[in-house]
Protein backbone atom coordinates (compact mmCIF):
# COMPACT_ATOMS: atom_id res chain seq x y z
CA UNK A 1 -54.27 77.52 31.90
CA UNK A 2 -51.10 78.27 33.72
CA UNK A 3 -52.34 77.68 37.55
CA UNK A 4 -50.22 74.76 37.63
CA UNK A 5 -47.20 77.18 36.47
CA UNK A 6 -47.50 79.61 38.77
CA UNK A 7 -47.71 77.22 41.37
CA UNK A 8 -44.45 75.47 40.34
CA UNK A 9 -42.84 79.03 39.93
CA UNK A 10 -43.92 79.98 43.48
CA UNK A 11 -42.46 77.06 45.08
CA UNK A 12 -39.33 77.42 43.00
CA UNK A 13 -39.42 74.52 41.17
CA UNK A 14 -39.47 76.15 37.40
CA UNK A 15 -38.14 79.33 36.32
CA UNK A 16 -39.99 82.13 35.39
CA UNK A 17 -38.44 82.47 31.99
CA UNK A 18 -38.81 78.44 31.34
CA UNK A 19 -42.60 79.30 32.20
CA UNK A 20 -43.14 81.84 29.86
CA UNK A 21 -41.24 79.83 26.83
CA UNK A 22 -43.72 76.68 27.58
CA UNK A 23 -46.49 78.98 27.43
CA UNK A 24 -45.58 80.50 24.22
CA UNK A 25 -44.73 77.18 22.80
CA UNK A 26 -48.44 75.74 23.96
CA UNK A 27 -50.03 78.49 22.05
CA UNK A 28 -48.76 77.63 18.87
CA UNK A 29 -48.38 73.00 19.06
CA UNK A 30 -50.77 73.14 22.01
CA UNK A 31 -50.34 70.18 24.42
CA UNK A 32 -50.61 70.21 28.04
CA UNK A 33 -48.15 72.85 30.03
CA UNK A 34 -46.71 69.85 32.53
CA UNK A 35 -45.25 67.60 29.50
CA UNK A 36 -43.72 70.78 27.21
CA UNK A 37 -41.90 71.69 30.77
CA UNK A 38 -40.46 67.82 31.15
CA UNK A 39 -39.83 68.15 27.44
CA UNK A 40 -37.44 71.31 28.08
CA UNK A 41 -35.87 70.19 30.82
CA UNK A 42 -37.39 72.68 32.96
CA UNK A 43 -38.84 70.41 35.65
CA UNK A 44 -38.69 66.61 37.04
CA UNK A 45 -41.80 64.54 36.49
CA UNK A 46 -42.21 63.80 40.23
CA UNK A 47 -42.15 67.52 41.01
CA UNK A 48 -45.03 67.55 38.32
CA UNK A 49 -47.01 65.09 40.04
CA UNK A 50 -46.53 65.97 43.25
CA UNK A 51 -47.56 70.12 42.12
CA UNK A 52 -50.56 68.57 40.48
CA UNK A 53 -51.67 66.27 43.43
CA UNK A 54 -51.70 69.45 45.45
CA UNK A 55 -53.70 71.59 42.83
CA UNK A 56 -56.56 69.28 42.90
CA UNK A 57 -56.46 68.99 46.58
CA UNK A 58 -55.88 64.94 46.11
CA UNK A 59 -54.24 62.80 48.67
CA UNK A 60 -50.54 61.06 47.24
CA UNK A 61 -50.14 57.43 47.13
CA UNK A 62 -47.42 55.58 46.75
CA UNK A 63 -48.04 52.44 44.66
CA UNK A 64 -45.33 50.59 45.87
CA UNK A 65 -46.01 50.86 49.36
CA UNK A 66 -49.62 50.56 48.51
CA UNK A 67 -50.17 48.04 46.03
CA UNK A 68 -53.83 48.13 44.44
CA UNK A 69 -55.68 44.70 44.71
CA UNK A 70 -54.61 41.78 42.78
CA UNK A 71 -57.80 40.05 42.10
CA UNK A 72 -59.20 43.46 41.41
CA UNK A 73 -56.21 44.16 38.75
CA UNK A 74 -57.12 40.58 37.18
CA UNK A 75 -60.56 41.64 36.60
CA UNK A 76 -59.29 44.94 34.91
CA UNK A 77 -58.65 45.61 31.17
CA UNK A 78 -55.23 47.11 32.33
CA UNK A 79 -54.20 48.61 28.93
CA UNK A 80 -57.41 50.50 28.53
CA UNK A 81 -56.82 52.25 32.15
CA UNK A 82 -53.30 52.97 31.46
CA UNK A 83 -53.99 54.55 28.35
CA UNK A 84 -56.61 56.66 29.89
CA UNK A 85 -54.37 57.60 33.15
CA UNK A 86 -55.57 55.79 36.03
CA UNK A 87 -55.37 52.11 37.47
CA UNK A 88 -58.14 50.85 40.43
CA UNK A 89 -56.44 50.06 43.65
CA UNK A 90 -59.49 48.39 45.92
CA UNK A 91 -62.80 48.19 46.26
CA UNK A 92 -64.92 48.76 49.49
CA UNK A 93 -68.20 48.52 50.47
CA UNK A 94 -69.57 51.32 48.42
CA UNK A 95 -66.47 52.71 46.67
CA UNK A 96 -64.06 52.00 44.43
CA UNK A 97 -60.36 53.75 45.06
CA UNK A 98 -58.80 54.64 41.97
CA UNK A 99 -55.38 55.79 41.23
CA UNK A 100 -54.68 58.76 38.60
CA UNK A 101 -52.18 60.50 36.72
CA UNK A 102 -54.59 62.94 34.81
CA UNK A 103 -57.03 66.10 36.15
CA UNK A 104 -60.17 64.58 38.01
CA UNK A 105 -63.39 65.69 35.82
CA UNK A 106 -66.23 64.75 34.52
CA UNK A 107 -64.98 62.56 31.92
CA UNK A 108 -62.64 60.95 34.41
CA UNK A 109 -65.42 59.92 36.55
CA UNK A 110 -67.40 59.20 33.56
CA UNK A 111 -65.21 56.69 32.71
CA UNK A 112 -64.55 54.94 35.94
CA UNK A 113 -68.28 54.69 36.52
CA UNK A 114 -68.51 52.77 33.04
CA UNK A 115 -66.01 50.40 34.39
CA UNK A 116 -67.62 49.99 37.82
CA UNK A 117 -71.13 51.08 37.31
CA UNK A 118 -73.05 51.67 41.19
CA UNK A 119 -69.71 52.55 43.13
CA UNK A 120 -68.98 56.10 44.34
CA UNK A 121 -65.39 56.95 43.53
CA UNK A 122 -62.46 58.12 45.47
CA UNK A 123 -59.44 59.43 43.81
CA UNK A 124 -56.32 59.55 44.50
CA UNK A 125 -53.02 61.07 43.35
CA UNK A 126 -49.96 58.71 41.80
CA UNK A 127 -47.05 58.97 39.11
CA UNK A 128 -46.65 57.35 35.63
CA UNK A 129 -43.45 55.66 37.16
CA UNK A 130 -46.44 53.76 39.64
CA UNK A 131 -48.92 52.85 36.82
CA UNK A 132 -46.09 51.66 34.68
CA UNK A 133 -44.43 49.34 37.43
CA UNK A 134 -47.82 47.73 38.26
CA UNK A 135 -48.97 47.35 35.17
CA UNK A 136 -45.57 45.38 34.08
CA UNK A 137 -46.41 43.10 36.66
CA UNK A 138 -50.11 42.32 35.90
CA UNK A 139 -48.65 42.00 32.21
CA UNK A 140 -46.09 39.22 33.13
CA UNK A 141 -48.81 37.74 34.79
CA UNK A 142 -50.55 37.79 31.93
CA UNK A 143 -47.55 36.96 29.53
CA UNK A 144 -46.66 33.52 31.35
CA UNK A 145 -50.19 32.10 30.85
CA UNK A 146 -50.44 32.75 27.43
CA UNK A 147 -50.30 29.42 25.27
CA UNK A 148 -47.49 28.18 23.44
CA UNK A 149 -47.30 25.77 21.15
CA UNK A 150 -44.24 23.28 22.48
CA UNK A 151 -41.73 22.88 19.65
CA UNK A 152 -38.56 21.08 18.89
CA UNK A 153 -36.12 23.33 17.52
CA UNK A 154 -34.53 21.89 14.06
CA UNK A 155 -31.13 20.77 14.53
CA UNK A 156 -28.36 22.36 12.43
CA UNK A 157 -25.26 21.00 11.38
CA UNK A 158 -22.25 22.44 12.61
CA UNK A 159 -20.20 24.47 10.65
CA UNK A 160 -17.28 22.26 10.31
CA UNK A 161 -19.95 19.26 9.57
CA UNK A 162 -22.08 21.87 7.48
CA UNK A 163 -18.67 22.55 4.92
CA UNK A 164 -18.07 18.76 4.63
CA UNK A 165 -21.59 17.59 3.52
CA UNK A 166 -21.81 20.88 0.94
CA UNK A 167 -18.55 19.85 -0.38
CA UNK A 168 -19.29 16.28 -0.80
CA UNK A 169 -22.42 16.89 -2.34
CA UNK A 170 -21.19 19.51 -5.00
CA UNK A 171 -18.40 16.87 -5.79
CA UNK A 172 -20.86 13.95 -5.98
CA UNK A 173 -23.23 16.58 -7.91
CA UNK A 174 -20.24 17.34 -10.46
CA UNK A 175 -18.79 14.02 -10.61
CA UNK A 176 -22.50 12.33 -11.47
CA UNK A 177 -22.83 15.59 -14.14
CA UNK A 178 -19.21 14.15 -16.09
CA UNK A 179 -20.50 10.75 -16.98
CA UNK A 180 -24.38 10.64 -16.96
CA UNK A 181 -25.34 10.40 -20.92
CA UNK A 182 -25.06 13.29 -23.10
CA UNK A 183 -28.64 13.52 -23.80
CA UNK A 184 -29.62 13.06 -20.45
CA UNK A 185 -27.15 16.09 -19.42
CA UNK A 186 -28.60 18.32 -22.11
CA UNK A 187 -32.35 17.80 -20.88
CA UNK A 188 -31.41 18.55 -17.20
CA UNK A 189 -29.53 21.71 -18.43
CA UNK A 190 -32.41 22.90 -20.57
CA UNK A 191 -34.80 22.00 -17.47
CA UNK A 192 -32.78 23.77 -14.61
CA UNK A 193 -31.94 26.85 -16.84
CA UNK A 194 -35.51 27.04 -17.89
CA UNK A 195 -37.04 26.56 -14.19
CA UNK A 196 -34.09 29.04 -13.38
CA UNK A 197 -34.99 31.76 -15.62
CA UNK A 198 -38.90 31.50 -15.42
CA UNK A 199 -38.07 32.04 -11.36
CA UNK A 200 -35.96 35.32 -12.01
CA UNK A 201 -38.68 36.59 -14.35
CA UNK A 202 -41.26 35.74 -11.47
CA UNK A 203 -39.19 37.10 -8.77
CA UNK A 204 -37.86 40.45 -10.28
CA UNK A 205 -41.57 41.36 -11.65
CA UNK A 206 -42.52 41.22 -8.16
CA UNK A 207 -39.91 42.78 -6.63
CA UNK A 208 -40.32 45.64 -9.21
CA UNK A 209 -44.01 46.16 -8.99
CA UNK A 210 -43.39 46.07 -5.45
CA UNK A 211 -40.72 48.92 -5.98
CA UNK A 212 -43.53 50.58 -7.60
CA UNK A 213 -46.39 49.92 -5.25
CA UNK A 214 -47.50 53.48 -3.50
CA UNK A 215 -49.94 51.74 -1.17
CA UNK A 216 -47.23 51.02 1.71
CA UNK A 217 -44.76 53.55 0.68
CA UNK A 218 -43.28 55.99 3.44
CA UNK A 219 -39.85 56.93 1.96
CA UNK A 220 -36.99 58.45 4.05
CA UNK A 221 -37.68 61.89 2.56
CA UNK A 222 -41.30 62.76 1.99
CA UNK A 223 -43.21 61.31 4.96
CA UNK A 224 -45.51 64.95 5.72
CA UNK A 225 -47.34 64.97 2.76
CA UNK A 226 -50.68 66.48 2.61
CA UNK A 227 -52.57 65.23 5.34
CA UNK A 228 -49.86 63.10 6.63
CA UNK A 229 -48.74 63.58 10.52
CA UNK A 230 -45.71 66.09 9.41
CA UNK A 231 -43.24 67.43 12.08
CA UNK A 232 -44.24 70.24 14.32
CA UNK A 233 -47.76 71.84 14.86
CA UNK A 234 -50.93 70.73 15.26
CA UNK A 235 -50.14 67.01 13.16
CA UNK A 236 -47.74 66.23 16.44
CA UNK A 237 -51.25 66.35 19.03
CA UNK A 238 -52.53 63.92 16.97
CA UNK A 239 -49.37 61.13 16.47
CA UNK A 240 -50.21 58.43 18.98
CA UNK A 241 -47.39 57.72 21.73
CA UNK A 242 -44.70 55.63 20.12
CA UNK A 243 -42.87 53.36 22.51
CA UNK A 244 -39.12 52.31 21.71
CA UNK A 245 -37.32 49.55 23.69
CA UNK A 246 -33.55 49.07 23.77
CA UNK A 247 -31.58 46.35 25.83
CA UNK A 248 -28.34 48.36 26.89
CA UNK A 249 -25.71 46.90 28.55
CA UNK A 250 -23.46 47.95 31.79
CA UNK A 251 -21.23 50.91 29.52
CA UNK A 252 -21.52 54.44 30.01
CA UNK A 253 -20.11 54.78 27.01
CA UNK A 254 -22.72 52.79 24.68
CA UNK A 255 -25.45 54.30 27.03
CA UNK A 256 -24.34 57.77 25.74
CA UNK A 257 -24.15 57.60 22.44
CA UNK A 258 -27.48 55.18 22.36
CA UNK A 259 -29.16 58.32 24.00
CA UNK A 260 -28.07 60.41 21.60
CA UNK A 261 -28.93 57.95 18.63
CA UNK A 262 -32.83 58.27 20.39
CA UNK A 263 -32.46 62.18 20.59
CA UNK A 264 -32.35 62.24 16.69
CA UNK A 265 -35.87 60.12 16.52
CA UNK A 266 -38.28 62.71 14.87
CA UNK A 267 -41.36 62.37 17.47
CA UNK A 268 -42.71 64.84 19.60
CA UNK A 269 -41.05 64.16 23.24
CA UNK A 270 -44.52 63.79 24.63
CA UNK A 271 -45.63 61.44 22.47
CA UNK A 272 -42.28 59.32 22.78
CA UNK A 273 -42.09 56.55 24.90
CA UNK A 274 -38.39 55.15 25.30
CA UNK A 275 -38.02 52.21 27.64
CA UNK A 276 -33.89 51.19 28.43
CA UNK A 277 -33.21 47.78 29.45
CA UNK A 278 -30.27 48.02 31.49
CA UNK A 279 -28.63 44.99 33.82
CA UNK A 280 -28.86 45.78 37.64
CA UNK A 281 -25.22 46.48 37.72
CA UNK A 282 -25.47 49.45 35.01
CA UNK A 283 -28.18 51.97 37.25
CA UNK A 284 -24.75 54.14 38.63
CA UNK A 285 -23.94 54.41 34.54
CA UNK A 286 -27.45 55.68 34.16
CA UNK A 287 -27.66 58.11 37.35
CA UNK A 288 -24.35 59.74 35.78
CA UNK A 289 -25.75 59.57 32.05
CA UNK A 290 -28.93 61.84 33.29
CA UNK A 291 -31.06 60.63 30.59
CA UNK A 292 -34.12 62.34 29.79
CA UNK A 293 -37.48 62.76 30.77
CA UNK A 294 -39.35 60.98 28.15
CA UNK A 295 -36.55 58.18 28.90
CA UNK A 296 -38.10 55.17 31.35
CA UNK A 297 -35.08 53.06 32.88
CA UNK A 298 -35.67 49.12 33.46
CA UNK A 299 -33.34 47.77 35.65
CA UNK A 300 -33.21 43.69 34.97
CA UNK A 301 -31.07 41.09 36.32
CA UNK A 302 -28.43 40.18 34.33
CA UNK A 303 -28.67 36.39 33.21
CA UNK A 304 -32.59 38.66 31.65
CA UNK A 305 -29.99 41.24 30.39
CA UNK A 306 -28.02 38.74 28.59
CA UNK A 307 -30.85 36.97 26.61
CA UNK A 308 -31.43 39.71 24.13
CA UNK A 309 -35.00 38.24 23.27
CA UNK A 310 -36.29 38.04 27.36
CA UNK A 311 -34.88 41.55 27.79
CA UNK A 312 -36.87 42.80 24.76
CA UNK A 313 -39.81 41.60 26.16
CA UNK A 314 -39.32 42.75 29.72
CA UNK A 315 -39.34 46.27 28.14
CA UNK A 316 -42.49 45.30 26.58
CA UNK A 317 -44.70 44.71 29.83
CA UNK A 318 -43.52 48.90 30.37
CA UNK A 319 -44.13 49.85 26.92
CA UNK A 320 -47.35 52.34 27.12
CA UNK A 321 -47.58 53.38 23.45
CA UNK A 322 -50.20 52.26 20.38
CA UNK A 323 -46.84 50.95 18.66
CA UNK A 324 -43.43 49.88 19.48
CA UNK A 325 -40.37 48.85 17.92
CA UNK A 326 -37.46 47.31 19.23
CA UNK A 327 -33.81 48.27 18.50
CA UNK A 328 -30.21 46.85 19.28
CA UNK A 329 -27.91 49.50 20.54
CA UNK A 330 -25.93 49.97 17.24
CA UNK A 331 -28.78 50.38 15.18
CA UNK A 332 -29.59 53.78 13.93
CA UNK A 333 -32.83 54.40 12.23
CA UNK A 334 -33.30 57.32 9.76
CA UNK A 335 -34.97 60.01 11.90
CA UNK A 336 -38.63 59.91 10.50
CA UNK A 337 -38.75 56.07 10.60
CA UNK A 338 -41.09 56.31 13.15
CA UNK A 339 -43.30 58.87 11.61
CA UNK A 340 -43.34 56.41 8.55
CA UNK A 341 -44.60 53.35 10.45
CA UNK A 342 -47.38 55.85 11.85
CA UNK A 343 -48.50 57.10 8.51
CA UNK A 344 -48.37 53.09 6.99
CA UNK A 345 -50.05 52.12 10.18
CA UNK A 346 -52.92 54.66 10.45
CA UNK A 347 -53.55 54.81 6.29
CA UNK A 348 -53.79 51.08 6.21
CA UNK A 349 -56.69 50.92 9.11
CA UNK A 350 -58.55 53.87 7.85
CA UNK A 351 -58.36 52.40 4.30
CA UNK A 352 -59.82 49.30 6.07
CA UNK A 353 -62.21 51.07 7.94
CA UNK A 354 -63.44 52.66 4.69
CA UNK A 355 -63.75 49.56 2.75
CA UNK A 356 -61.27 50.29 0.01
CA UNK A 357 -58.94 47.10 1.40
CA UNK A 358 -60.37 43.75 2.43
CA UNK A 359 -57.46 42.42 3.65
CA UNK A 360 -56.55 41.92 7.31
CA UNK A 361 -55.49 45.45 9.24
CA UNK A 362 -51.71 45.44 9.92
CA UNK A 363 -50.51 44.62 12.89
CA UNK A 364 -46.44 44.20 11.80
CA UNK A 365 -44.54 46.41 9.70
CA UNK A 366 -40.81 45.20 8.67
CA UNK A 367 -37.85 47.73 7.73
CA UNK A 368 -36.69 46.93 4.24
CA UNK A 369 -33.15 48.38 4.29
CA UNK A 370 -30.62 47.54 6.58
CA UNK A 371 -27.47 48.77 6.32
CA UNK A 372 -24.26 48.14 7.69
CA UNK A 373 -20.82 49.18 9.13
CA UNK A 374 -18.55 48.24 6.14
CA UNK A 375 -21.48 48.59 3.67
CA UNK A 376 -19.53 47.32 0.82
CA UNK A 377 -18.11 43.96 2.03
CA UNK A 378 -19.29 41.03 0.26
CA UNK A 379 -22.18 40.05 3.35
CA UNK A 380 -23.50 44.09 3.20
CA UNK A 381 -24.13 43.67 -0.47
CA UNK A 382 -25.69 40.47 -0.12
CA UNK A 383 -28.00 41.93 2.24
CA UNK A 384 -29.02 44.52 0.02
CA UNK A 385 -29.68 43.28 -3.33
CA UNK A 386 -31.45 39.97 -1.28
CA UNK A 387 -33.84 42.83 0.20
CA UNK A 388 -34.35 44.77 -3.19
CA UNK A 389 -34.91 41.27 -4.59
CA UNK A 390 -37.26 40.09 -2.13
CA UNK A 391 -35.78 37.23 -1.55
CA UNK A 392 -35.75 37.82 2.22
CA UNK A 393 -39.60 37.57 2.33
CA UNK A 394 -41.86 35.50 0.62
CA UNK A 395 -43.41 37.67 -2.36
CA UNK A 396 -46.93 39.05 -1.75
CA UNK A 397 -49.99 38.01 -4.09
CA UNK A 398 -51.84 41.25 -4.18
CA UNK A 399 -49.96 43.78 -1.84
CA UNK A 400 -46.59 43.97 -0.45
CA UNK A 401 -47.16 41.71 2.63
CA UNK A 402 -44.42 40.30 4.12
CA UNK A 403 -44.37 36.60 5.22
CA UNK A 404 -40.94 35.92 6.93
CA UNK A 405 -38.00 38.22 8.22
CA UNK A 406 -35.39 36.92 10.94
CA UNK A 407 -34.91 40.24 12.40
CA UNK A 408 -36.51 41.24 16.07
CA UNK A 409 -35.31 44.35 16.03
CA UNK A 410 -36.70 47.39 13.41
CA UNK A 411 -40.20 45.22 13.36
CA UNK A 412 -42.75 47.34 14.19
CA UNK A 413 -45.48 46.18 15.90
CA UNK A 414 -49.01 46.83 17.44
CA UNK A 415 -48.66 46.71 21.30
CA UNK A 416 -51.23 45.28 22.07
CA UNK A 417 -51.40 42.29 19.57
CA UNK A 418 -47.74 41.77 20.57
CA UNK A 419 -48.24 41.33 24.12
CA UNK A 420 -51.15 38.84 23.43
CA UNK A 421 -49.37 36.73 21.32
CA UNK A 422 -46.68 36.46 23.95
CA UNK A 423 -44.02 39.35 23.15
CA UNK A 424 -40.85 38.95 20.85
CA UNK A 425 -39.91 35.06 22.22
CA UNK A 426 -43.77 34.35 20.07
CA UNK A 427 -42.15 36.07 17.00
CA UNK A 428 -39.44 33.33 15.86
CA UNK A 429 -38.81 33.48 12.28
CA UNK A 430 -40.90 30.85 10.09
CA UNK A 431 -42.93 30.36 13.19
CA UNK A 432 -47.07 30.24 13.05
CA UNK A 433 -47.18 33.09 15.47
CA UNK A 434 -45.28 34.80 13.48
CA UNK A 435 -46.66 33.69 9.59
CA UNK A 436 -50.54 34.50 11.16
CA UNK A 437 -49.68 38.06 11.56
CA UNK A 438 -50.70 40.56 9.30
CA UNK A 439 -47.72 42.14 7.93
CA UNK A 440 -46.30 44.76 5.72
CA UNK A 441 -43.49 46.00 4.84
CA UNK A 442 -41.78 49.84 5.64
CA UNK A 443 -39.67 51.48 3.25
CA UNK A 444 -37.39 53.23 5.28
CA UNK A 445 -33.59 52.48 6.65
CA UNK A 446 -32.02 51.48 9.64
CA UNK A 447 -28.08 51.58 9.97
CA UNK A 448 -26.13 49.28 11.84
CA UNK A 449 -22.49 50.61 13.55
CA UNK A 450 -21.46 46.65 13.67
CA UNK A 451 -20.36 45.14 10.48
CA UNK A 452 -22.36 41.98 8.71
CA UNK A 453 -19.86 39.01 9.07
CA UNK A 454 -20.37 36.54 6.92
CA UNK A 455 -20.54 33.68 9.11
CA UNK A 456 -23.36 35.33 10.56
CA UNK A 457 -24.23 36.29 6.92
CA UNK A 458 -24.60 33.00 5.97
CA UNK A 459 -26.66 31.70 8.87
CA UNK A 460 -29.08 34.61 8.33
CA UNK A 461 -29.57 33.32 4.75
CA UNK A 462 -30.04 29.71 6.27
CA UNK A 463 -32.91 31.29 8.62
CA UNK A 464 -34.28 33.21 5.44
CA UNK A 465 -34.26 30.32 3.44
CA UNK A 466 -36.04 28.04 5.93
CA UNK A 467 -38.80 30.61 6.24
CA UNK A 468 -39.17 30.79 2.37
CA UNK A 469 -39.83 27.00 2.08
CA UNK A 470 -42.08 27.11 5.17
CA UNK A 471 -44.21 29.87 3.53
CA UNK A 472 -44.07 28.07 0.16
CA UNK A 473 -45.33 24.83 1.67
CA UNK A 474 -48.00 26.58 3.66
CA UNK A 475 -49.01 28.42 0.58
CA UNK A 476 -49.50 25.29 -1.27
CA UNK A 477 -50.91 22.82 1.47
CA UNK A 478 -53.72 25.79 1.72
CA UNK A 479 -54.44 25.37 -2.16
CA UNK A 480 -54.59 21.69 -1.49
CA UNK A 481 -56.97 21.92 1.58
CA UNK A 482 -58.99 24.83 0.75
CA UNK A 483 -61.87 22.81 -1.32
CA UNK A 484 -61.97 20.03 1.24
CA UNK A 485 -62.84 22.81 4.03
CA UNK A 486 -64.83 24.87 1.77
CA UNK A 487 -61.84 27.69 2.26
CA UNK A 488 -61.24 30.21 -0.43
CA UNK A 489 -58.49 28.85 -2.29
CA UNK A 490 -55.61 31.03 -2.66
CA UNK A 491 -55.33 32.30 -6.22
CA UNK A 492 -52.60 30.68 -8.60
CA UNK A 493 -50.61 33.73 -8.86
CA UNK A 494 -49.66 33.78 -4.90
CA UNK A 495 -48.96 30.38 -4.92
CA UNK A 496 -46.74 31.15 -8.13
CA UNK A 497 -45.24 33.93 -6.18
CA UNK A 498 -44.40 32.19 -3.20
CA UNK A 499 -42.66 29.46 -5.19
CA UNK A 500 -40.53 31.68 -6.88
CA UNK A 501 -37.66 32.67 -4.48
CA UNK A 502 -37.40 28.97 -3.36
CA UNK A 503 -37.20 27.96 -7.13
CA UNK A 504 -34.63 30.10 -8.16
CA UNK A 505 -32.19 29.59 -5.28
CA UNK A 506 -32.30 25.71 -5.62
CA UNK A 507 -32.38 25.38 -9.02
CA UNK A 508 -29.01 27.89 -9.65
CA UNK A 509 -26.58 25.48 -8.49
CA UNK A 510 -28.12 22.99 -10.55
CA UNK A 511 -27.78 25.13 -13.66
CA UNK A 512 -24.34 26.54 -12.98
CA UNK A 513 -23.07 22.82 -12.03
CA UNK A 514 -24.93 21.50 -15.58
CA UNK A 515 -23.60 24.34 -17.69
CA UNK A 516 -19.81 23.91 -16.70
CA UNK A 517 -20.45 20.01 -17.16
CA UNK A 518 -22.17 20.81 -21.09
CA UNK A 519 -19.58 23.13 -21.67
CA UNK A 520 -17.15 20.96 -21.13
CA UNK A 521 -18.68 17.72 -22.86
CA UNK A 522 -20.04 19.74 -25.46
CA UNK A 523 -18.28 17.88 -28.46
CA UNK A 524 -20.03 14.42 -27.35
CA UNK A 525 -22.93 15.47 -28.48
CA UNK A 526 -24.98 15.80 -31.82
CA UNK A 527 -26.71 18.76 -32.86
CA UNK A 528 -30.41 18.16 -32.05
CA UNK A 529 -28.80 17.38 -28.28
CA UNK A 530 -26.26 20.34 -28.06
CA UNK A 531 -28.97 22.88 -29.02
CA UNK A 532 -31.03 22.05 -26.04
CA UNK A 533 -28.18 22.03 -23.72
CA UNK A 534 -27.28 25.38 -25.52
CA UNK A 535 -30.56 26.41 -24.94
CA UNK A 536 -30.67 26.33 -21.03
CA UNK A 537 -27.47 27.92 -21.16
CA UNK A 538 -28.59 30.53 -22.49
CA UNK A 539 -31.61 30.08 -20.55
CA UNK A 540 -29.04 30.85 -17.50
CA UNK A 541 -27.27 33.43 -18.60
CA UNK A 542 -30.21 35.60 -19.77
CA UNK A 543 -31.77 34.72 -15.88
CA UNK A 544 -28.54 36.12 -14.47
CA UNK A 545 -28.63 39.18 -16.75
CA UNK A 546 -32.10 40.19 -15.93
CA UNK A 547 -31.76 39.21 -11.91
CA UNK A 548 -28.20 41.89 -12.38
CA UNK A 549 -30.00 44.88 -14.51
CA UNK A 550 -33.29 44.39 -12.03
CA UNK A 551 -30.66 44.36 -8.72
CA UNK A 552 -28.88 47.57 -10.23
CA UNK A 553 -32.43 49.25 -10.97
CA UNK A 554 -34.02 48.87 -7.44
CA UNK A 555 -30.76 49.68 -6.08
CA UNK A 556 -29.58 52.71 -7.56
CA UNK A 557 -32.12 55.33 -6.05
CA UNK A 558 -31.77 54.33 -2.53
CA UNK A 559 -28.00 53.61 -2.32
CA UNK A 560 -26.14 54.93 -5.49
CA UNK A 561 -24.56 54.52 -8.68
CA UNK A 562 -21.47 52.64 -6.88
CA UNK A 563 -24.38 49.84 -5.21
CA UNK A 564 -25.75 49.69 -8.54
CA UNK A 565 -22.36 49.37 -10.40
CA UNK A 566 -21.61 46.34 -7.75
CA UNK A 567 -24.82 44.40 -8.75
CA UNK A 568 -22.27 42.41 -11.52
CA UNK A 569 -21.12 40.86 -8.00
CA UNK A 570 -24.48 39.38 -7.91
CA UNK A 571 -24.10 36.20 -9.86
CA UNK A 572 -20.79 35.16 -7.40
CA UNK A 573 -23.26 36.14 -4.11
CA UNK A 574 -26.10 34.10 -5.38
CA UNK A 575 -23.74 31.13 -5.07
CA UNK A 576 -23.36 31.42 -1.19
CA UNK A 577 -27.96 32.28 -0.87
CA UNK A 578 -28.20 28.91 -3.05
CA UNK A 579 -25.97 26.98 -1.05
CA UNK A 580 -28.03 28.11 2.24
CA UNK A 581 -31.10 27.31 0.71
CA UNK A 582 -29.97 23.88 -0.07
CA UNK A 583 -28.97 23.62 3.87
CA UNK A 584 -32.30 24.91 4.48
CA UNK A 585 -33.84 22.21 2.60
CA UNK A 586 -32.08 19.47 4.07
CA UNK A 587 -33.27 20.66 7.71
CA UNK A 588 -36.83 21.14 7.11
CA UNK A 589 -37.25 18.07 5.47
CA UNK A 590 -35.61 15.94 7.98
CA UNK A 591 -37.60 18.20 10.88
CA UNK A 592 -40.45 17.39 8.39
CA UNK A 593 -40.14 13.31 8.61
CA UNK A 594 -39.53 13.72 12.02
CA UNK A 595 -42.82 15.15 13.13
CA UNK A 596 -41.01 18.05 14.21
CA UNK A 597 -42.68 21.80 14.35
CA UNK A 598 -40.69 24.74 15.08
CA UNK A 599 -38.82 27.60 13.02
CA UNK A 600 -34.96 27.12 12.01
CA UNK A 601 -32.64 28.84 14.66
CA UNK A 602 -28.98 29.03 14.50
């Protein structure tokens, strides 16, 4: 069991005490001795691979100097081979040459013979880094052939024009409310108040139901439930490899801070695959920072590093985990977030295979809670209440299913599926690809060191509102098309839930303007007309009260009493969200009229 350890000690590559510690840890946790030595920092991966090749009696091959046959790689299922730890290099007349990072044995030979029947096998040793480098090239070539729908991006008004249009619209709306006949004003007040109240009741009811649902809940404090992948012990051996992609600038301080943040992740190091994407100019900073062995560094040209999404896709080409998530350098996820995601992904897959659930297997999980640097600023409060009320996603019909979000980071994916769809660049908020991906919610938290600026917050609300409108339109269109296409028609409850969020946001400012005009002109109305309008005002006030109380109830367990008290600001914050929704509606309508597709981008 420790032959490789004794050999490394004899060559002076490992201290005897470090070997003894690793052997004791292996007795408790299991796993490979080499990986435990790497995790403890007692050995470099290069030295380990050379030691293994020597022990296995195999020839060493540098895949950079002697790359595999690209034609052969194109015919190979690259992901499967990499998961198994080997890669075909070339085929001769009667044999296939295979580079491997795992110990030769009957299982390895059987795997290769299944892939290349009728050929003898010649094994050579290589490093995991060489396999990753070759795989990245293959994946990039494959991604370049992924069919993309040509889309023209929607035109968004510049900030000055947007402000002017919204101000003119508000003045026109208020003026109209002051000059229309009293009976019409009263009817409008009653209608908008009723629509707002109904939408609030549906939205809040769905949010409360989602908070109570235990199907997809993985709380920050209680991941290690019975049967769950708890920390340490045998449970760690069952965890899949998890990839984390982070784009880091050429800044040694930021790099050191990022490495410290990643070190807090509660995930076994021999199952953690961190990919740091850095500009070419940052390699010296990386060398000085001396990242641990479980971190791989991918240098890219400066223009790629400057494009956040392209850089994430570059890191994705190197990811070797079953699941993958991207973080910004100022993102700090709770330590248990990866374990939580695994618990949700794996339990959902198990339930689907067992027939307990008939929905598509989850391929994406979106983190629900984002905490910003100034957590009590208006922008942070708006994000928090928007999240707890479900206004940052289309409400699910029968389970916690998210139709749209606007972040690329803190969204966990099935790695293979994300690659096949074209990477993060294909996950544009509201796009057909993003909406088609079975997506759930991960009840976890990511903190951000940066503050949420007001302009960025408003822009995000426009994006979210555009996604909500697109998702609602898609549900209605599906219900209309279903009978003619012979497809299953969406349930009426799903359609109502899909329309609740947009209806709430669009009706709110209309109800506020109508209520203001009604109060000013109440003396002009007879009793019957006044009572009808008063009913609308009451509906508006009740709707606001229900929204505030629901937000306070849902936010208190996670963010405390102060956050619950701050829910009284929700009626004011709702005005900003409503203005963003009307902005998004104008853009969506103009885009559809022009025959454009695509998603809103700021």
